[in-house]
Amino acid sequence: MNSSNELVVQPSTPVSFNYFDPQQFEMMQRACDMFINSELVPKMFQNQGTTEATRKKAIANCMIALETAHRIGASPMMVMQNMYIVYGQPSWSSKFLIATINSCGRYNSIKYRFENLGEIEVPGTKMKVENLQCTAYTSEKGSKEVLEGVSVSIGMAIKEGWYTKNGSKWQTIPKLMLQYRSATFWARAYAPEISMGLKTEDEARDIVDVEFEDVTDVAEKVEREKAEKANKTQIGIEPKEEPKSEPQPKGTAAPEPKPAAAPVQPETKGGMFNNNPGF
């Protein structure tokens, strides 16, 4: 309080966590210990076991959620309730991403424009559906420039395989899915720092990235095995080939066949048919 009896309020500073500060790290662990014992947070943030290992895992998940909440300026409770693990990757719920963009203070609320592009046939079926297209757009506060995102249509969902996936919501709530996906694409283009590069839950389920796998060693091993196999000589008994008769030149007579040898008569003793002399 100053001399004029006026109350001076000091500006509040955002709370930050330093992992390398022992006091702050201990305070963060105490906050996480409170969350893991609550039933209001999702199960992956709860202490679901009785061992020390399960407790440490829950605390680690909560600590990452607290750090994420601090970075985007959101409530830790909201971050925990809207973060999902899909195929081993963290992702946001679409409604949370849209709410974060609308409340960040930089942009006006996101709006959507729908167009009907006619009917389109779903491959593999005789069913035809309306090819709706949705475009998310808004503007920065204080600016009249319209920021439009990438248009998303049912035709795109069919071509990308989102529409025909098992359990796909594109067939049951197509308009809502168009709004969610177009808002996600808008955030990718204009505010990637808000989503921190994370996909939304429905986007992660539809778009599965195949991890890169280096197969150079496998290919080289296969080539070496082929070369070693080719260098090996096979030892075996080959069948004897019959001699082939040489072709005779034109205009020459064929050689006369050799007379066959006379059959050998059996020996008889003391008879006129004996080939040997009788003495």
Protein backbone atom coordinates (compact mmCIF):
# COMPACT_ATOMS: atom_id res chain seq x y z
CA MET A 1 0.00 0.00 0.00
CA ASN A 2 1.48 3.39 -0.98
CA SER A 3 1.22 6.76 0.72
CA SER A 4 -2.09 7.59 -0.99
CA ASN A 5 -3.70 4.51 0.57
CA GLU A 6 -4.13 2.87 -2.84
CA LEU A 7 -3.76 -0.89 -3.14
CA VAL A 8 -1.08 -1.83 -5.64
CA VAL A 9 -1.63 -5.23 -7.25
CA GLN A 10 1.48 -6.90 -8.59
CA PRO A 11 1.03 -8.53 -12.03
CA SER A 12 0.73 -12.27 -11.79
CA THR A 13 3.35 -14.38 -13.54
CA PRO A 14 2.59 -17.77 -15.06
CA VAL A 15 3.70 -20.74 -13.06
CA SER A 16 6.55 -22.57 -14.73
CA PHE A 17 8.20 -25.85 -13.85
CA ASN A 18 11.90 -26.51 -14.01
CA TYR A 19 12.62 -30.23 -14.08
CA PHE A 20 16.18 -29.59 -12.89
CA ASP A 21 15.13 -27.62 -9.81
CA PRO A 22 14.76 -30.07 -6.88
CA GLN A 23 12.16 -27.97 -5.06
CA GLN A 24 9.97 -27.42 -8.12
CA PHE A 25 10.32 -31.05 -9.15
CA GLU A 26 9.16 -32.17 -5.69
CA MET A 27 6.22 -29.74 -5.81
CA MET A 28 5.24 -31.13 -9.24
CA GLN A 29 5.35 -34.68 -7.91
CA ARG A 30 3.09 -33.72 -5.00
CA ALA A 31 0.59 -32.20 -7.44
CA CYS A 32 0.71 -35.36 -9.55
CA ASP A 33 0.21 -37.50 -6.45
CA MET A 34 -3.07 -35.67 -5.88
CA PHE A 35 -4.28 -36.33 -9.45
CA ILE A 36 -3.43 -40.05 -9.50
CA ASN A 37 -5.64 -40.66 -6.47
CA SER A 38 -8.67 -38.93 -8.02
CA GLU A 39 -11.48 -40.73 -9.81
CA LEU A 40 -12.25 -37.67 -11.96
CA VAL A 41 -9.20 -38.09 -14.21
CA PRO A 42 -9.00 -40.76 -16.97
CA LYS A 43 -7.66 -44.17 -16.06
CA MET A 44 -4.25 -43.69 -17.68
CA PHE A 45 -3.60 -40.92 -15.11
CA GLN A 46 -4.88 -42.95 -12.13
CA ASN A 47 -2.87 -45.20 -9.85
CA GLN A 48 -4.51 -48.47 -10.89
CA GLY A 49 -2.20 -50.84 -9.03
CA THR A 50 -0.69 -51.46 -5.64
CA THR A 51 2.95 -51.62 -6.71
CA GLU A 52 5.44 -48.78 -6.78
CA ALA A 53 5.93 -49.27 -10.54
CA THR A 54 2.28 -48.51 -11.35
CA ARG A 55 2.38 -45.45 -9.08
CA LYS A 56 5.49 -44.10 -10.82
CA LYS A 57 3.91 -44.67 -14.24
CA ALA A 58 0.78 -42.72 -13.25
CA ILE A 59 2.87 -39.87 -11.82
CA ALA A 60 4.92 -39.72 -15.04
CA ASN A 61 1.76 -39.48 -17.14
CA CYS A 62 0.38 -36.72 -14.93
CA MET A 63 3.66 -34.81 -15.01
CA ILE A 64 3.66 -34.80 -18.82
CA ALA A 65 0.03 -33.62 -18.81
CA LEU A 66 0.88 -30.78 -16.39
CA GLU A 67 3.79 -29.66 -18.55
CA THR A 68 1.57 -29.76 -21.68
CA ALA A 69 -1.12 -27.73 -19.91
CA HIS A 70 1.44 -25.10 -18.96
CA ARG A 71 2.77 -24.85 -22.51
CA ILE A 72 -0.63 -24.24 -24.11
CA GLY A 73 -2.02 -22.25 -21.18
CA ALA A 74 -4.87 -24.65 -20.40
CA SER A 75 -6.20 -26.25 -17.25
CA PRO A 76 -4.38 -29.51 -16.29
CA MET A 77 -7.75 -31.14 -15.64
CA MET A 78 -8.98 -30.23 -19.13
CA VAL A 79 -5.80 -31.54 -20.73
CA MET A 80 -6.13 -34.88 -18.92
CA GLN A 81 -9.79 -35.26 -19.85
CA ASN A 82 -9.18 -34.49 -23.53
CA MET A 83 -5.94 -36.33 -24.23
CA TYR A 84 -6.13 -39.83 -25.73
CA ILE A 85 -3.58 -42.46 -26.67
CA VAL A 86 -4.27 -43.83 -30.16
CA TYR A 87 -1.87 -46.43 -31.61
CA GLY A 88 0.68 -45.44 -28.97
CA GLN A 89 0.56 -41.72 -29.87
CA PRO A 90 -0.98 -38.91 -27.78
CA SER A 91 -3.84 -37.04 -29.47
CA TRP A 92 -6.45 -34.41 -28.67
CA SER A 93 -10.20 -34.60 -28.86
CA SER A 94 -11.50 -32.49 -31.73
CA LYS A 95 -13.83 -30.44 -29.55
CA PHE A 96 -10.95 -29.55 -27.21
CA LEU A 97 -8.80 -28.35 -30.12
CA ILE A 98 -11.64 -26.18 -31.45
CA ALA A 99 -12.34 -24.79 -27.97
CA THR A 100 -8.66 -23.98 -27.50
CA ILE A 101 -8.53 -22.05 -30.79
CA ASN A 102 -11.72 -20.13 -29.97
CA SER A 103 -10.51 -19.18 -26.48
CA CYS A 104 -6.85 -18.44 -27.21
CA GLY A 105 -7.59 -14.74 -27.81
CA ARG A 106 -5.85 -14.52 -31.18
CA TYR A 107 -8.69 -15.55 -33.48
CA ASN A 108 -12.42 -15.12 -33.75
CA SER A 109 -14.56 -18.23 -33.37
CA ILE A 110 -14.20 -20.78 -36.16
CA LYS A 111 -17.09 -20.89 -38.63
CA TYR A 112 -18.01 -23.49 -41.24
CA ARG A 113 -19.29 -23.26 -44.80
CA PHE A 114 -21.10 -26.26 -46.34
CA GLU A 115 -21.58 -27.04 -50.02
CA ASN A 116 -23.39 -29.92 -51.73
CA LEU A 117 -21.32 -31.25 -54.64
CA GLY A 118 -23.94 -33.77 -55.75
CA GLU A 119 -24.16 -37.52 -55.24
CA ILE A 120 -21.21 -39.87 -55.11
CA GLU A 121 -21.09 -43.67 -55.12
CA VAL A 122 -19.35 -45.57 -52.35
CA PRO A 123 -16.89 -48.08 -53.92
CA GLY A 124 -17.77 -51.72 -53.38
CA THR A 125 -21.42 -50.92 -52.77
CA LYS A 126 -24.39 -49.71 -54.78
CA MET A 127 -25.04 -46.97 -52.21
CA LYS A 128 -24.95 -43.32 -53.23
CA VAL A 129 -24.48 -40.51 -50.68
CA GLU A 130 -24.46 -36.73 -50.83
CA ASN A 131 -20.97 -35.39 -51.42
CA LEU A 132 -21.00 -32.63 -48.80
CA GLN A 133 -18.00 -30.34 -48.51
CA CYS A 134 -17.05 -28.30 -45.46
CA THR A 135 -14.57 -25.42 -45.17
CA ALA A 136 -13.46 -23.99 -41.82
CA TYR A 137 -12.63 -20.29 -41.73
CA THR A 138 -12.12 -17.41 -39.35
CA SER A 139 -10.01 -14.27 -38.99
CA GLU A 140 -7.53 -12.81 -36.58
CA LYS A 141 -8.97 -10.38 -34.07
CA GLY A 142 -8.66 -6.86 -35.41
CA SER A 143 -8.20 -8.04 -38.99
CA LYS A 144 -10.70 -8.41 -41.83
CA GLU A 145 -8.64 -10.99 -43.72
CA VAL A 146 -10.46 -14.31 -43.90
CA LEU A 147 -8.31 -17.35 -43.15
CA GLU A 148 -9.72 -20.41 -44.90
CA GLY A 149 -8.59 -23.94 -44.26
CA VAL A 150 -8.47 -26.93 -46.57
CA SER A 151 -11.93 -28.03 -47.70
CA VAL A 152 -12.94 -31.54 -46.62
CA SER A 153 -15.61 -33.52 -48.47
CA ILE A 154 -17.27 -36.89 -48.27
CA GLY A 155 -15.52 -37.71 -51.55
CA MET A 156 -12.18 -37.09 -49.87
CA ALA A 157 -13.19 -39.29 -46.94
CA ILE A 158 -14.11 -42.10 -49.35
CA LYS A 159 -10.87 -41.80 -51.35
CA GLU A 160 -8.74 -41.70 -48.20
CA GLY A 161 -10.51 -44.75 -46.78
CA TRP A 162 -11.96 -42.95 -43.75
CA TYR A 163 -15.57 -43.48 -44.80
CA THR A 164 -15.38 -47.26 -45.30
CA LYS A 165 -13.41 -48.15 -42.16
CA ASN A 166 -15.00 -50.52 -39.66
CA GLY A 167 -16.92 -48.54 -37.07
CA SER A 168 -16.46 -45.29 -39.00
CA LYS A 169 -18.49 -42.33 -37.76
CA TRP A 170 -18.39 -40.76 -41.21
CA GLN A 171 -21.44 -42.81 -42.16
CA THR A 172 -23.50 -41.97 -39.06
CA ILE A 173 -22.58 -38.33 -38.32
CA PRO A 174 -21.02 -37.02 -41.56
CA LYS A 175 -21.64 -33.30 -40.90
CA LEU A 176 -19.99 -33.34 -37.49
CA MET A 177 -17.01 -35.30 -38.83
CA LEU A 178 -16.63 -32.77 -41.65
CA GLN A 179 -16.57 -29.94 -39.11
CA TYR A 180 -14.04 -31.72 -36.90
CA ARG A 181 -11.70 -32.60 -39.77
CA SER A 182 -11.88 -29.20 -41.47
CA ALA A 183 -11.14 -27.45 -38.14
CA THR A 184 -8.19 -29.79 -37.62
CA PHE A 185 -6.81 -28.94 -41.07
CA TRP A 186 -7.30 -25.24 -40.33
CA ALA A 187 -5.26 -25.57 -37.14
CA ARG A 188 -2.51 -27.42 -39.06
CA ALA A 189 -2.22 -24.49 -41.46
CA TYR A 190 -2.62 -21.43 -39.22
CA ALA A 191 -2.06 -22.42 -35.57
CA PRO A 192 0.09 -25.56 -35.28
CA GLU A 193 1.52 -24.28 -31.99
CA ILE A 194 -1.90 -24.66 -30.35
CA SER A 195 -2.14 -28.36 -31.12
CA MET A 196 1.61 -28.82 -30.44
CA GLY A 197 1.80 -30.95 -33.57
CA LEU A 198 -0.53 -33.60 -32.16
CA LYS A 199 -3.31 -35.15 -34.21
CA THR A 200 -6.89 -35.27 -33.03
CA GLU A 201 -8.33 -38.56 -31.82
CA ASP A 202 -10.57 -39.17 -34.84
CA GLU A 203 -7.78 -38.09 -37.21
CA ALA A 204 -5.32 -40.49 -35.58
CA ARG A 205 -7.78 -43.37 -35.95
CA ASP A 206 -8.42 -42.55 -39.62
CA ILE A 207 -4.86 -41.69 -40.64
CA VAL A 208 -2.39 -44.36 -39.52
CA ASP A 209 1.23 -43.44 -40.33
CA VAL A 210 3.43 -46.41 -41.15
CA GLU A 211 6.74 -46.13 -39.37
CA PHE A 212 9.88 -46.13 -41.51
CA GLU A 213 11.79 -49.39 -41.42
CA ASP A 214 15.31 -49.66 -42.84
CA VAL A 215 15.57 -52.92 -44.79
CA THR A 216 19.04 -52.28 -46.26
CA ASP A 217 20.68 -54.97 -44.09
CA VAL A 218 17.97 -57.48 -44.96
CA ALA A 219 18.36 -56.82 -48.69
CA GLU A 220 22.15 -57.16 -48.49
CA LYS A 221 21.80 -60.43 -46.58
CA VAL A 222 19.46 -61.84 -49.23
CA GLU A 223 21.90 -60.87 -52.00
CA ARG A 224 24.81 -62.52 -50.18
CA GLU A 225 22.82 -65.71 -49.72
CA LYS A 226 21.97 -65.74 -53.43
CA ALA A 227 25.63 -65.25 -54.39
CA GLU A 228 26.81 -68.01 -52.05
CA LYS A 229 24.18 -70.36 -53.40
CA ALA A 230 25.19 -69.61 -57.00
CA ASN A 231 28.89 -70.33 -56.27
CA LYS A 232 28.21 -73.78 -54.90
CA THR A 233 28.83 -76.68 -57.42
CA GLN A 234 26.50 -79.61 -57.39
CA ILE A 235 28.19 -83.03 -57.63
CA GLY A 236 26.17 -85.86 -59.14
CA ILE A 237 26.22 -88.75 -61.65
CA GLU A 238 25.01 -87.59 -65.01
CA PRO A 239 23.36 -90.13 -67.34
CA LYS A 240 25.56 -91.41 -70.20
CA GLU A 241 24.54 -89.93 -73.52
CA GLU A 242 24.23 -92.06 -76.62
CA PRO A 243 26.68 -91.15 -79.44
CA LYS A 244 25.04 -89.10 -82.09
CA SER A 245 25.53 -89.94 -85.76
CA GLU A 246 27.19 -87.23 -87.77
CA PRO A 247 25.08 -85.87 -90.63
CA GLN A 248 26.33 -86.84 -94.14
CA PRO A 249 27.00 -84.14 -96.71
CA LYS A 250 24.59 -83.88 -99.61
CA GLY A 251 25.50 -85.88 -102.77
CA THR A 252 27.42 -88.68 -100.98
CA ALA A 253 26.25 -92.22 -100.67
CA ALA A 254 25.41 -93.49 -97.27
CA PRO A 255 28.00 -96.00 -95.95
CA GLU A 256 27.12 -99.63 -96.36
CA PRO A 257 26.11 -101.37 -93.20
CA LYS A 258 28.60 -103.78 -91.74
CA PRO A 259 27.63 -107.48 -92.01
CA ALA A 260 26.47 -108.97 -88.81
CA ALA A 261 28.80 -111.49 -87.16
CA ALA A 262 27.95 -115.17 -87.71
CA PRO A 263 26.38 -116.83 -84.74
CA VAL A 264 28.68 -119.07 -82.76
CA GLN A 265 27.64 -122.75 -82.99
CA PRO A 266 27.81 -124.76 -79.82
CA GLU A 267 30.62 -127.32 -79.51
CA THR A 268 29.82 -131.03 -79.91
CA LYS A 269 32.30 -133.81 -79.36
CA GLY A 270 32.98 -136.40 -82.00
CA GLY A 271 30.34 -135.47 -84.50
CA MET A 272 30.17 -134.21 -88.00
CA PHE A 273 28.73 -130.97 -86.82
CA ASN A 274 31.73 -130.30 -84.66
CA ASN A 275 33.59 -127.21 -85.86
CA ASN A 276 36.82 -128.43 -84.41
CA PRO A 277 38.90 -131.09 -86.14
CA GLY A 278 38.11 -134.61 -85.20
CA PHE A 279 41.61 -135.38 -84.16
